mmCIF file of all heavy atoms, coordinates in Angstrom:
data_MODEL
# 
_entry.id   MODEL 
# 
loop_
_atom_site.group_PDB 
_atom_site.id 
_atom_site.type_symbol 
_atom_site.label_atom_id 
_atom_site.label_alt_id 
_atom_site.label_comp_id 
_atom_site.label_asym_id 
_atom_site.label_entity_id 
_atom_site.label_seq_id 
_atom_site.pdbx_PDB_ins_code 
_atom_site.Cartn_x 
_atom_site.Cartn_y 
_atom_site.Cartn_z 
_atom_site.occupancy 
_atom_site.B_iso_or_equiv 
_atom_site.pdbx_formal_charge 
_atom_site.auth_seq_id 
_atom_site.auth_comp_id 
_atom_site.auth_asym_id 
_atom_site.auth_atom_id 
_atom_site.pdbx_PDB_model_num 
ATOM 1   N N   . THR A 1 1  ? -0.152 -26.578 -4.631  1.00 0.00 ? 1  THR A N   1 
ATOM 2   C CA  . THR A 1 1  ? -0.730 -25.296 -4.481  1.00 0.00 ? 1  THR A CA  1 
ATOM 3   C C   . THR A 1 1  ? 0.288  -24.333 -3.857  1.00 0.00 ? 1  THR A C   1 
ATOM 4   O O   . THR A 1 1  ? 0.785  -24.672 -2.724  1.00 0.00 ? 1  THR A O   1 
ATOM 5   C CB  . THR A 1 1  ? -2.024 -25.332 -3.645  1.00 0.00 ? 1  THR A CB  1 
ATOM 6   O OG1 . THR A 1 1  ? -2.969 -26.189 -4.196  1.00 0.00 ? 1  THR A OG1 1 
ATOM 7   C CG2 . THR A 1 1  ? -2.626 -23.945 -3.496  1.00 0.00 ? 1  THR A CG2 1 
ATOM 8   N N   . ILE A 1 2  ? 0.556  -23.194 -4.441  1.00 0.00 ? 2  ILE A N   1 
ATOM 9   C CA  . ILE A 1 2  ? 1.427  -22.237 -3.903  1.00 0.00 ? 2  ILE A CA  1 
ATOM 10  C C   . ILE A 1 2  ? 0.596  -21.117 -3.251  1.00 0.00 ? 2  ILE A C   1 
ATOM 11  O O   . ILE A 1 2  ? -0.476 -20.721 -3.760  1.00 0.00 ? 2  ILE A O   1 
ATOM 12  C CB  . ILE A 1 2  ? 2.407  -21.662 -4.915  1.00 0.00 ? 2  ILE A CB  1 
ATOM 13  C CG1 . ILE A 1 2  ? 3.469  -20.818 -4.273  1.00 0.00 ? 2  ILE A CG1 1 
ATOM 14  C CG2 . ILE A 1 2  ? 1.641  -20.832 -6.029  1.00 0.00 ? 2  ILE A CG2 1 
ATOM 15  C CD1 . ILE A 1 2  ? 4.647  -20.460 -5.203  1.00 0.00 ? 2  ILE A CD1 1 
ATOM 16  N N   . SER A 1 3  ? 1.074  -20.653 -2.151  1.00 0.00 ? 3  SER A N   1 
ATOM 17  C CA  . SER A 1 3  ? 0.428  -19.463 -1.427  1.00 0.00 ? 3  SER A CA  1 
ATOM 18  C C   . SER A 1 3  ? 1.440  -18.661 -0.729  1.00 0.00 ? 3  SER A C   1 
ATOM 19  O O   . SER A 1 3  ? 2.566  -19.093 -0.598  1.00 0.00 ? 3  SER A O   1 
ATOM 20  C CB  . SER A 1 3  ? -0.688 -20.003 -0.448  1.00 0.00 ? 3  SER A CB  1 
ATOM 21  O OG  . SER A 1 3  ? -0.090 -20.818 0.524   1.00 0.00 ? 3  SER A OG  1 
ATOM 22  N N   . ARG A 1 4  ? 1.049  -17.444 -0.275  1.00 0.00 ? 4  ARG A N   1 
ATOM 23  C CA  . ARG A 1 4  ? 1.967  -16.661 0.448   1.00 0.00 ? 4  ARG A CA  1 
ATOM 24  C C   . ARG A 1 4  ? 1.278  -15.855 1.535   1.00 0.00 ? 4  ARG A C   1 
ATOM 25  O O   . ARG A 1 4  ? 0.020  -15.534 1.377   1.00 0.00 ? 4  ARG A O   1 
ATOM 26  C CB  . ARG A 1 4  ? 2.789  -15.718 -0.444  1.00 0.00 ? 4  ARG A CB  1 
ATOM 27  C CG  . ARG A 1 4  ? 1.904  -14.703 -1.225  1.00 0.00 ? 4  ARG A CG  1 
ATOM 28  C CD  . ARG A 1 4  ? 2.810  -14.001 -2.204  1.00 0.00 ? 4  ARG A CD  1 
ATOM 29  N NE  . ARG A 1 4  ? 3.770  -13.035 -1.651  1.00 0.00 ? 4  ARG A NE  1 
ATOM 30  C CZ  . ARG A 1 4  ? 4.791  -12.455 -2.301  1.00 0.00 ? 4  ARG A CZ  1 
ATOM 31  N NH1 . ARG A 1 4  ? 5.010  -12.761 -3.544  1.00 0.00 ? 4  ARG A NH1 1 
ATOM 32  N NH2 . ARG A 1 4  ? 5.579  -11.626 -1.684  1.00 0.00 ? 4  ARG A NH2 1 
ATOM 33  N N   . ASP A 1 5  ? 2.029  -15.482 2.516   1.00 0.00 ? 5  ASP A N   1 
ATOM 34  C CA  . ASP A 1 5  ? 1.530  -14.580 3.626   1.00 0.00 ? 5  ASP A CA  1 
ATOM 35  C C   . ASP A 1 5  ? 2.440  -13.412 3.545   1.00 0.00 ? 5  ASP A C   1 
ATOM 36  O O   . ASP A 1 5  ? 3.526  -13.390 4.013   1.00 0.00 ? 5  ASP A O   1 
ATOM 37  C CB  . ASP A 1 5  ? 1.622  -15.319 4.944   1.00 0.00 ? 5  ASP A CB  1 
ATOM 38  C CG  . ASP A 1 5  ? 1.078  -14.506 6.095   1.00 0.00 ? 5  ASP A CG  1 
ATOM 39  O OD1 . ASP A 1 5  ? 1.094  -13.276 5.994   1.00 0.00 ? 5  ASP A OD1 1 
ATOM 40  O OD2 . ASP A 1 5  ? 0.631  -15.089 7.075   1.00 0.00 ? 5  ASP A OD2 1 
ATOM 41  N N   . ASN A 1 6  ? 1.932  -12.322 2.962   1.00 0.00 ? 6  ASN A N   1 
ATOM 42  C CA  . ASN A 1 6  ? 2.724  -11.105 2.816   1.00 0.00 ? 6  ASN A CA  1 
ATOM 43  C C   . ASN A 1 6  ? 3.152  -10.490 4.092   1.00 0.00 ? 6  ASN A C   1 
ATOM 44  O O   . ASN A 1 6  ? 4.249  -9.908  4.227   1.00 0.00 ? 6  ASN A O   1 
ATOM 45  C CB  . ASN A 1 6  ? 2.010  -10.062 1.947   1.00 0.00 ? 6  ASN A CB  1 
ATOM 46  C CG  . ASN A 1 6  ? 1.868  -10.475 0.504   1.00 0.00 ? 6  ASN A CG  1 
ATOM 47  O OD1 . ASN A 1 6  ? 2.688  -11.232 -0.057  1.00 0.00 ? 6  ASN A OD1 1 
ATOM 48  N ND2 . ASN A 1 6  ? 0.776  -10.139 -0.157  1.00 0.00 ? 6  ASN A ND2 1 
ATOM 49  N N   . ALA A 1 7  ? 2.304  -10.590 5.109   1.00 0.00 ? 7  ALA A N   1 
ATOM 50  C CA  . ALA A 1 7  ? 2.683  -10.017 6.450   1.00 0.00 ? 7  ALA A CA  1 
ATOM 51  C C   . ALA A 1 7  ? 3.864  -10.729 7.063   1.00 0.00 ? 7  ALA A C   1 
ATOM 52  O O   . ALA A 1 7  ? 4.624  -10.141 7.775   1.00 0.00 ? 7  ALA A O   1 
ATOM 53  C CB  . ALA A 1 7  ? 1.436  -10.158 7.338   1.00 0.00 ? 7  ALA A CB  1 
ATOM 54  N N   . LYS A 1 8  ? 3.994  -12.013 6.720   1.00 0.00 ? 8  LYS A N   1 
ATOM 55  C CA  . LYS A 1 8  ? 5.124  -12.840 7.279   1.00 0.00 ? 8  LYS A CA  1 
ATOM 56  C C   . LYS A 1 8  ? 6.282  -12.983 6.201   1.00 0.00 ? 8  LYS A C   1 
ATOM 57  O O   . LYS A 1 8  ? 7.231  -13.687 6.512   1.00 0.00 ? 8  LYS A O   1 
ATOM 58  C CB  . LYS A 1 8  ? 4.643  -14.208 7.753   1.00 0.00 ? 8  LYS A CB  1 
ATOM 59  C CG  . LYS A 1 8  ? 3.619  -14.108 8.813   1.00 0.00 ? 8  LYS A CG  1 
ATOM 60  C CD  . LYS A 1 8  ? 3.241  -15.575 9.204   1.00 0.00 ? 8  LYS A CD  1 
ATOM 61  C CE  . LYS A 1 8  ? 2.240  -15.565 10.370  1.00 0.00 ? 8  LYS A CE  1 
ATOM 62  N NZ  . LYS A 1 8  ? 1.783  -16.938 10.762  1.00 0.00 ? 8  LYS A NZ  1 
ATOM 63  N N   . ASN A 1 9  ? 6.077  -12.445 5.054   1.00 0.00 ? 9  ASN A N   1 
ATOM 64  C CA  . ASN A 1 9  ? 7.130  -12.672 3.933   1.00 0.00 ? 9  ASN A CA  1 
ATOM 65  C C   . ASN A 1 9  ? 7.416  -14.093 3.833   1.00 0.00 ? 9  ASN A C   1 
ATOM 66  O O   . ASN A 1 9  ? 8.611  -14.467 3.704   1.00 0.00 ? 9  ASN A O   1 
ATOM 67  C CB  . ASN A 1 9  ? 8.381  -11.840 4.279   1.00 0.00 ? 9  ASN A CB  1 
ATOM 68  C CG  . ASN A 1 9  ? 8.187  -10.365 4.301   1.00 0.00 ? 9  ASN A CG  1 
ATOM 69  O OD1 . ASN A 1 9  ? 7.445  -9.804  3.491   1.00 0.00 ? 9  ASN A OD1 1 
ATOM 70  N ND2 . ASN A 1 9  ? 8.872  -9.695  5.224   1.00 0.00 ? 9  ASN A ND2 1 
ATOM 71  N N   . THR A 1 10 ? 6.419  -14.918 3.751   1.00 0.00 ? 10 THR A N   1 
ATOM 72  C CA  . THR A 1 10 ? 6.550  -16.375 3.661   1.00 0.00 ? 10 THR A CA  1 
ATOM 73  C C   . THR A 1 10 ? 5.764  -16.921 2.552   1.00 0.00 ? 10 THR A C   1 
ATOM 74  O O   . THR A 1 10 ? 4.580  -16.547 2.305   1.00 0.00 ? 10 THR A O   1 
ATOM 75  C CB  . THR A 1 10 ? 6.168  -17.041 4.986   1.00 0.00 ? 10 THR A CB  1 
ATOM 76  O OG1 . THR A 1 10 ? 6.971  -16.497 6.070   1.00 0.00 ? 10 THR A OG1 1 
ATOM 77  C CG2 . THR A 1 10 ? 6.288  -18.558 4.920   1.00 0.00 ? 10 THR A CG2 1 
ATOM 78  N N   . VAL A 1 11 ? 6.370  -17.902 1.822   1.00 0.00 ? 11 VAL A N   1 
ATOM 79  C CA  . VAL A 1 11 ? 5.668  -18.536 0.760   1.00 0.00 ? 11 VAL A CA  1 
ATOM 80  C C   . VAL A 1 11 ? 5.563  -20.071 1.167   1.00 0.00 ? 11 VAL A C   1 
ATOM 81  O O   . VAL A 1 11 ? 6.498  -20.591 1.816   1.00 0.00 ? 11 VAL A O   1 
ATOM 82  C CB  . VAL A 1 11 ? 6.375  -18.382 -0.589  1.00 0.00 ? 11 VAL A CB  1 
ATOM 83  C CG1 . VAL A 1 11 ? 7.795  -18.904 -0.573  1.00 0.00 ? 11 VAL A CG1 1 
ATOM 84  C CG2 . VAL A 1 11 ? 5.599  -19.026 -1.761  1.00 0.00 ? 11 VAL A CG2 1 
ATOM 85  N N   . TYR A 1 12 ? 4.465  -20.668 0.684   1.00 0.00 ? 12 TYR A N   1 
ATOM 86  C CA  . TYR A 1 12 ? 4.208  -22.062 1.052   1.00 0.00 ? 12 TYR A CA  1 
ATOM 87  C C   . TYR A 1 12 ? 3.956  -22.822 -0.231  1.00 0.00 ? 12 TYR A C   1 
ATOM 88  O O   . TYR A 1 12 ? 3.507  -22.337 -1.243  1.00 0.00 ? 12 TYR A O   1 
ATOM 89  C CB  . TYR A 1 12 ? 3.008  -22.206 1.934   1.00 0.00 ? 12 TYR A CB  1 
ATOM 90  C CG  . TYR A 1 12 ? 3.066  -21.379 3.160   1.00 0.00 ? 12 TYR A CG  1 
ATOM 91  C CD1 . TYR A 1 12 ? 2.437  -20.147 3.159   1.00 0.00 ? 12 TYR A CD1 1 
ATOM 92  C CD2 . TYR A 1 12 ? 3.715  -21.811 4.267   1.00 0.00 ? 12 TYR A CD2 1 
ATOM 93  C CE1 . TYR A 1 12 ? 2.512  -19.352 4.361   1.00 0.00 ? 12 TYR A CE1 1 
ATOM 94  C CE2 . TYR A 1 12 ? 3.689  -21.060 5.416   1.00 0.00 ? 12 TYR A CE2 1 
ATOM 95  C CZ  . TYR A 1 12 ? 3.121  -19.825 5.463   1.00 0.00 ? 12 TYR A CZ  1 
ATOM 96  O OH  . TYR A 1 12 ? 3.166  -19.052 6.579   1.00 0.00 ? 12 TYR A OH  1 
ATOM 97  N N   . LEU A 1 13 ? 4.288  -24.127 -0.240  1.00 0.00 ? 13 LEU A N   1 
ATOM 98  C CA  . LEU A 1 13 ? 4.014  -24.983 -1.354  1.00 0.00 ? 13 LEU A CA  1 
ATOM 99  C C   . LEU A 1 13 ? 3.396  -26.293 -0.719  1.00 0.00 ? 13 LEU A C   1 
ATOM 100 O O   . LEU A 1 13 ? 4.079  -27.036 -0.093  1.00 0.00 ? 13 LEU A O   1 
ATOM 101 C CB  . LEU A 1 13 ? 5.236  -25.350 -2.123  1.00 0.00 ? 13 LEU A CB  1 
ATOM 102 C CG  . LEU A 1 13 ? 4.945  -26.218 -3.408  1.00 0.00 ? 13 LEU A CG  1 
ATOM 103 C CD1 . LEU A 1 13 ? 4.221  -25.384 -4.469  1.00 0.00 ? 13 LEU A CD1 1 
ATOM 104 C CD2 . LEU A 1 13 ? 6.281  -26.750 -3.970  1.00 0.00 ? 13 LEU A CD2 1 
ATOM 105 N N   . GLN A 1 14 ? 2.083  -26.397 -0.914  1.00 0.00 ? 14 GLN A N   1 
ATOM 106 C CA  . GLN A 1 14 ? 1.388  -27.572 -0.499  1.00 0.00 ? 14 GLN A CA  1 
ATOM 107 C C   . GLN A 1 14 ? 1.423  -28.654 -1.675  1.00 0.00 ? 14 GLN A C   1 
ATOM 108 O O   . GLN A 1 14 ? 0.956  -28.359 -2.706  1.00 0.00 ? 14 GLN A O   1 
ATOM 109 C CB  . GLN A 1 14 ? -0.072 -27.271 -0.154  1.00 0.00 ? 14 GLN A CB  1 
ATOM 110 C CG  . GLN A 1 14 ? -0.943 -28.485 0.248   1.00 0.00 ? 14 GLN A CG  1 
ATOM 111 C CD  . GLN A 1 14 ? -0.456 -29.096 1.549   1.00 0.00 ? 14 GLN A CD  1 
ATOM 112 O OE1 . GLN A 1 14 ? -0.169 -28.394 2.501   1.00 0.00 ? 14 GLN A OE1 1 
ATOM 113 N NE2 . GLN A 1 14 ? -0.377 -30.401 1.592   1.00 0.00 ? 14 GLN A NE2 1 
ATOM 114 N N   . MET A 1 15 ? 1.997  -29.741 -1.407  1.00 0.00 ? 15 MET A N   1 
ATOM 115 C CA  . MET A 1 15 ? 2.184  -30.804 -2.343  1.00 0.00 ? 15 MET A CA  1 
ATOM 116 C C   . MET A 1 15 ? 1.412  -32.006 -1.997  1.00 0.00 ? 15 MET A C   1 
ATOM 117 O O   . MET A 1 15 ? 1.658  -32.708 -0.977  1.00 0.00 ? 15 MET A O   1 
ATOM 118 C CB  . MET A 1 15 ? 3.724  -31.198 -2.493  1.00 0.00 ? 15 MET A CB  1 
ATOM 119 C CG  . MET A 1 15 ? 4.615  -29.966 -2.731  1.00 0.00 ? 15 MET A CG  1 
ATOM 120 S SD  . MET A 1 15 ? 6.310  -30.471 -2.994  1.00 0.00 ? 15 MET A SD  1 
ATOM 121 C CE  . MET A 1 15 ? 6.750  -30.974 -1.343  1.00 0.00 ? 15 MET A CE  1 
ATOM 122 N N   . ASN A 1 16 ? 0.418  -32.360 -2.827  1.00 0.00 ? 16 ASN A N   1 
ATOM 123 C CA  . ASN A 1 16 ? -0.412 -33.495 -2.615  1.00 0.00 ? 16 ASN A CA  1 
ATOM 124 C C   . ASN A 1 16 ? -0.285 -34.517 -3.709  1.00 0.00 ? 16 ASN A C   1 
ATOM 125 O O   . ASN A 1 16 ? 0.285  -34.173 -4.820  1.00 0.00 ? 16 ASN A O   1 
ATOM 126 C CB  . ASN A 1 16 ? -1.894 -33.078 -2.605  1.00 0.00 ? 16 ASN A CB  1 
ATOM 127 C CG  . ASN A 1 16 ? -2.286 -32.122 -1.462  1.00 0.00 ? 16 ASN A CG  1 
ATOM 128 O OD1 . ASN A 1 16 ? -1.632 -32.215 -0.336  1.00 0.00 ? 16 ASN A OD1 1 
ATOM 129 N ND2 . ASN A 1 16 ? -3.150 -31.200 -1.656  1.00 0.00 ? 16 ASN A ND2 1 
ATOM 130 N N   . SER A 1 17 ? -0.715 -35.732 -3.505  1.00 0.00 ? 17 SER A N   1 
ATOM 131 C CA  . SER A 1 17 ? -0.615 -36.749 -4.508  1.00 0.00 ? 17 SER A CA  1 
ATOM 132 C C   . SER A 1 17 ? 0.851  -36.940 -5.053  1.00 0.00 ? 17 SER A C   1 
ATOM 133 O O   . SER A 1 17 ? 0.996  -36.954 -6.284  1.00 0.00 ? 17 SER A O   1 
ATOM 134 C CB  . SER A 1 17 ? -1.641 -36.500 -5.633  1.00 0.00 ? 17 SER A CB  1 
ATOM 135 O OG  . SER A 1 17 ? -2.939 -36.385 -5.202  1.00 0.00 ? 17 SER A OG  1 
ATOM 136 N N   . LEU A 1 18 ? 1.719  -36.907 -4.201  1.00 0.00 ? 18 LEU A N   1 
ATOM 137 C CA  . LEU A 1 18 ? 3.146  -36.919 -4.601  1.00 0.00 ? 18 LEU A CA  1 
ATOM 138 C C   . LEU A 1 18 ? 3.490  -38.195 -5.348  1.00 0.00 ? 18 LEU A C   1 
ATOM 139 O O   . LEU A 1 18 ? 2.991  -39.276 -5.023  1.00 0.00 ? 18 LEU A O   1 
ATOM 140 C CB  . LEU A 1 18 ? 4.025  -36.664 -3.427  1.00 0.00 ? 18 LEU A CB  1 
ATOM 141 C CG  . LEU A 1 18 ? 4.172  -35.264 -2.906  1.00 0.00 ? 18 LEU A CG  1 
ATOM 142 C CD1 . LEU A 1 18 ? 4.640  -35.197 -1.476  1.00 0.00 ? 18 LEU A CD1 1 
ATOM 143 C CD2 . LEU A 1 18 ? 5.073  -34.496 -3.788  1.00 0.00 ? 18 LEU A CD2 1 
ATOM 144 N N   . LYS A 1 19 ? 4.431  -38.017 -6.319  1.00 0.00 ? 19 LYS A N   1 
ATOM 145 C CA  . LYS A 1 19 ? 4.834  -39.145 -7.119  1.00 0.00 ? 19 LYS A CA  1 
ATOM 146 C C   . LYS A 1 19 ? 6.366  -39.279 -6.970  1.00 0.00 ? 19 LYS A C   1 
ATOM 147 O O   . LYS A 1 19 ? 7.092  -38.371 -6.681  1.00 0.00 ? 19 LYS A O   1 
ATOM 148 C CB  . LYS A 1 19 ? 4.537  -38.854 -8.611  1.00 0.00 ? 19 LYS A CB  1 
ATOM 149 C CG  . LYS A 1 19 ? 3.092  -38.543 -8.836  1.00 0.00 ? 19 LYS A CG  1 
ATOM 150 C CD  . LYS A 1 19 ? 2.978  -38.121 -10.347 1.00 0.00 ? 19 LYS A CD  1 
ATOM 151 C CE  . LYS A 1 19 ? 1.479  -37.758 -10.680 1.00 0.00 ? 19 LYS A CE  1 
ATOM 152 N NZ  . LYS A 1 19 ? 1.303  -37.360 -12.103 1.00 0.00 ? 19 LYS A NZ  1 
ATOM 153 N N   . PRO A 1 20 ? 6.919  -40.494 -7.248  1.00 0.00 ? 20 PRO A N   1 
ATOM 154 C CA  . PRO A 1 20 ? 8.367  -40.599 -7.208  1.00 0.00 ? 20 PRO A CA  1 
ATOM 155 C C   . PRO A 1 20 ? 9.118  -39.598 -8.125  1.00 0.00 ? 20 PRO A C   1 
ATOM 156 O O   . PRO A 1 20 ? 10.240 -39.159 -7.756  1.00 0.00 ? 20 PRO A O   1 
ATOM 157 C CB  . PRO A 1 20 ? 8.632  -42.064 -7.667  1.00 0.00 ? 20 PRO A CB  1 
ATOM 158 C CG  . PRO A 1 20 ? 7.347  -42.734 -7.248  1.00 0.00 ? 20 PRO A CG  1 
ATOM 159 C CD  . PRO A 1 20 ? 6.242  -41.756 -7.432  1.00 0.00 ? 20 PRO A CD  1 
ATOM 160 N N   . ASP A 1 21 ? 8.494  -39.200 -9.218  1.00 0.00 ? 21 ASP A N   1 
ATOM 161 C CA  . ASP A 1 21 ? 9.131  -38.189 -10.090 1.00 0.00 ? 21 ASP A CA  1 
ATOM 162 C C   . ASP A 1 21 ? 9.211  -36.853 -9.484  1.00 0.00 ? 21 ASP A C   1 
ATOM 163 O O   . ASP A 1 21 ? 9.883  -35.973 -10.032 1.00 0.00 ? 21 ASP A O   1 
ATOM 164 C CB  . ASP A 1 21 ? 8.276  -38.096 -11.380 1.00 0.00 ? 21 ASP A CB  1 
ATOM 165 C CG  . ASP A 1 21 ? 8.526  -39.259 -12.377 1.00 0.00 ? 21 ASP A CG  1 
ATOM 166 O OD1 . ASP A 1 21 ? 9.505  -40.013 -12.091 1.00 0.00 ? 21 ASP A OD1 1 
ATOM 167 O OD2 . ASP A 1 21 ? 7.820  -39.328 -13.368 1.00 0.00 ? 21 ASP A OD2 1 
ATOM 168 N N   . ASP A 1 22 ? 8.523  -36.615 -8.415  1.00 0.00 ? 22 ASP A N   1 
ATOM 169 C CA  . ASP A 1 22 ? 8.634  -35.296 -7.638  1.00 0.00 ? 22 ASP A CA  1 
ATOM 170 C C   . ASP A 1 22 ? 9.840  -35.288 -6.782  1.00 0.00 ? 22 ASP A C   1 
ATOM 171 O O   . ASP A 1 22 ? 10.174 -34.221 -6.208  1.00 0.00 ? 22 ASP A O   1 
ATOM 172 C CB  . ASP A 1 22 ? 7.419  -35.111 -6.794  1.00 0.00 ? 22 ASP A CB  1 
ATOM 173 C CG  . ASP A 1 22 ? 6.115  -34.923 -7.644  1.00 0.00 ? 22 ASP A CG  1 
ATOM 174 O OD1 . ASP A 1 22 ? 6.159  -34.218 -8.695  1.00 0.00 ? 22 ASP A OD1 1 
ATOM 175 O OD2 . ASP A 1 22 ? 5.082  -35.495 -7.220  1.00 0.00 ? 22 ASP A OD2 1 
ATOM 176 N N   . THR A 1 23 ? 10.579 -36.382 -6.675  1.00 0.00 ? 23 THR A N   1 
ATOM 177 C CA  . THR A 1 23 ? 11.787 -36.413 -5.827  1.00 0.00 ? 23 THR A CA  1 
ATOM 178 C C   . THR A 1 23 ? 12.837 -35.409 -6.420  1.00 0.00 ? 23 THR A C   1 
ATOM 179 O O   . THR A 1 23 ? 13.186 -35.493 -7.547  1.00 0.00 ? 23 THR A O   1 
ATOM 180 C CB  . THR A 1 23 ? 12.415 -37.803 -5.824  1.00 0.00 ? 23 THR A CB  1 
ATOM 181 O OG1 . THR A 1 23 ? 11.447 -38.680 -5.130  1.00 0.00 ? 23 THR A OG1 1 
ATOM 182 C CG2 . THR A 1 23 ? 13.697 -37.802 -5.116  1.00 0.00 ? 23 THR A CG2 1 
ATOM 183 N N   . ALA A 1 24 ? 13.278 -34.517 -5.536  1.00 0.00 ? 24 ALA A N   1 
ATOM 184 C CA  . ALA A 1 24 ? 14.287 -33.487 -5.989  1.00 0.00 ? 24 ALA A CA  1 
ATOM 185 C C   . ALA A 1 24 ? 14.632 -32.663 -4.775  1.00 0.00 ? 24 ALA A C   1 
ATOM 186 O O   . ALA A 1 24 ? 13.999 -32.719 -3.741  1.00 0.00 ? 24 ALA A O   1 
ATOM 187 C CB  . ALA A 1 24 ? 13.637 -32.595 -7.093  1.00 0.00 ? 24 ALA A CB  1 
ATOM 188 N N   . VAL A 1 25 ? 15.604 -31.787 -4.993  1.00 0.00 ? 25 VAL A N   1 
ATOM 189 C CA  . VAL A 1 25 ? 15.904 -30.710 -4.074  1.00 0.00 ? 25 VAL A CA  1 
ATOM 190 C C   . VAL A 1 25 ? 15.022 -29.524 -4.490  1.00 0.00 ? 25 VAL A C   1 
ATOM 191 O O   . VAL A 1 25 ? 15.067 -29.104 -5.698  1.00 0.00 ? 25 VAL A O   1 
ATOM 192 C CB  . VAL A 1 25 ? 17.411 -30.346 -4.012  1.00 0.00 ? 25 VAL A CB  1 
ATOM 193 C CG1 . VAL A 1 25 ? 17.535 -29.159 -3.056  1.00 0.00 ? 25 VAL A CG1 1 
ATOM 194 C CG2 . VAL A 1 25 ? 18.246 -31.536 -3.607  1.00 0.00 ? 25 VAL A CG2 1 
ATOM 195 N N   . TYR A 1 26 ? 14.250 -29.054 -3.529  1.00 0.00 ? 26 TYR A N   1 
ATOM 196 C CA  . TYR A 1 26 ? 13.362 -27.912 -3.865  1.00 0.00 ? 26 TYR A CA  1 
ATOM 197 C C   . TYR A 1 26 ? 14.022 -26.611 -3.333  1.00 0.00 ? 26 TYR A C   1 
ATOM 198 O O   . TYR A 1 26 ? 14.379 -26.543 -2.168  1.00 0.00 ? 26 TYR A O   1 
ATOM 199 C CB  . TYR A 1 26 ? 11.998 -28.162 -3.178  1.00 0.00 ? 26 TYR A CB  1 
ATOM 200 C CG  . TYR A 1 26 ? 11.182 -29.142 -4.009  1.00 0.00 ? 26 TYR A CG  1 
ATOM 201 C CD1 . TYR A 1 26 ? 11.520 -30.497 -4.025  1.00 0.00 ? 26 TYR A CD1 1 
ATOM 202 C CD2 . TYR A 1 26 ? 10.046 -28.772 -4.687  1.00 0.00 ? 26 TYR A CD2 1 
ATOM 203 C CE1 . TYR A 1 26 ? 10.747 -31.435 -4.763  1.00 0.00 ? 26 TYR A CE1 1 
ATOM 204 C CE2 . TYR A 1 26 ? 9.259  -29.647 -5.426  1.00 0.00 ? 26 TYR A CE2 1 
ATOM 205 C CZ  . TYR A 1 26 ? 9.648  -30.973 -5.441  1.00 0.00 ? 26 TYR A CZ  1 
ATOM 206 O OH  . TYR A 1 26 ? 8.919  -31.871 -6.111  1.00 0.00 ? 26 TYR A OH  1 
ATOM 207 N N   . TYR A 1 27 ? 14.067 -25.646 -4.230  1.00 0.00 ? 27 TYR A N   1 
ATOM 208 C CA  . TYR A 1 27 ? 14.672 -24.365 -3.884  1.00 0.00 ? 27 TYR A CA  1 
ATOM 209 C C   . TYR A 1 27 ? 13.668 -23.237 -3.856  1.00 0.00 ? 27 TYR A C   1 
ATOM 210 O O   . TYR A 1 27 ? 12.835 -23.087 -4.815  1.00 0.00 ? 27 TYR A O   1 
ATOM 211 C CB  . TYR A 1 27 ? 15.703 -23.995 -4.944  1.00 0.00 ? 27 TYR A CB  1 
ATOM 212 C CG  . TYR A 1 27 ? 16.932 -24.971 -4.952  1.00 0.00 ? 27 TYR A CG  1 
ATOM 213 C CD1 . TYR A 1 27 ? 16.918 -26.019 -5.794  1.00 0.00 ? 27 TYR A CD1 1 
ATOM 214 C CD2 . TYR A 1 27 ? 18.054 -24.712 -4.104  1.00 0.00 ? 27 TYR A CD2 1 
ATOM 215 C CE1 . TYR A 1 27 ? 18.025 -26.890 -5.834  1.00 0.00 ? 27 TYR A CE1 1 
ATOM 216 C CE2 . TYR A 1 27 ? 19.127 -25.580 -4.096  1.00 0.00 ? 27 TYR A CE2 1 
ATOM 217 C CZ  . TYR A 1 27 ? 19.154 -26.690 -4.967  1.00 0.00 ? 27 TYR A CZ  1 
ATOM 218 O OH  . TYR A 1 27 ? 20.190 -27.544 -4.956  1.00 0.00 ? 27 TYR A OH  1 
# 
């Protein structure tokens, strides 16, 4: 789930049920 707080100019990525295939560098 992606979300953002415009007041803080911040974006979040909540990652659940992670799998080995999700292994990566996240940019």
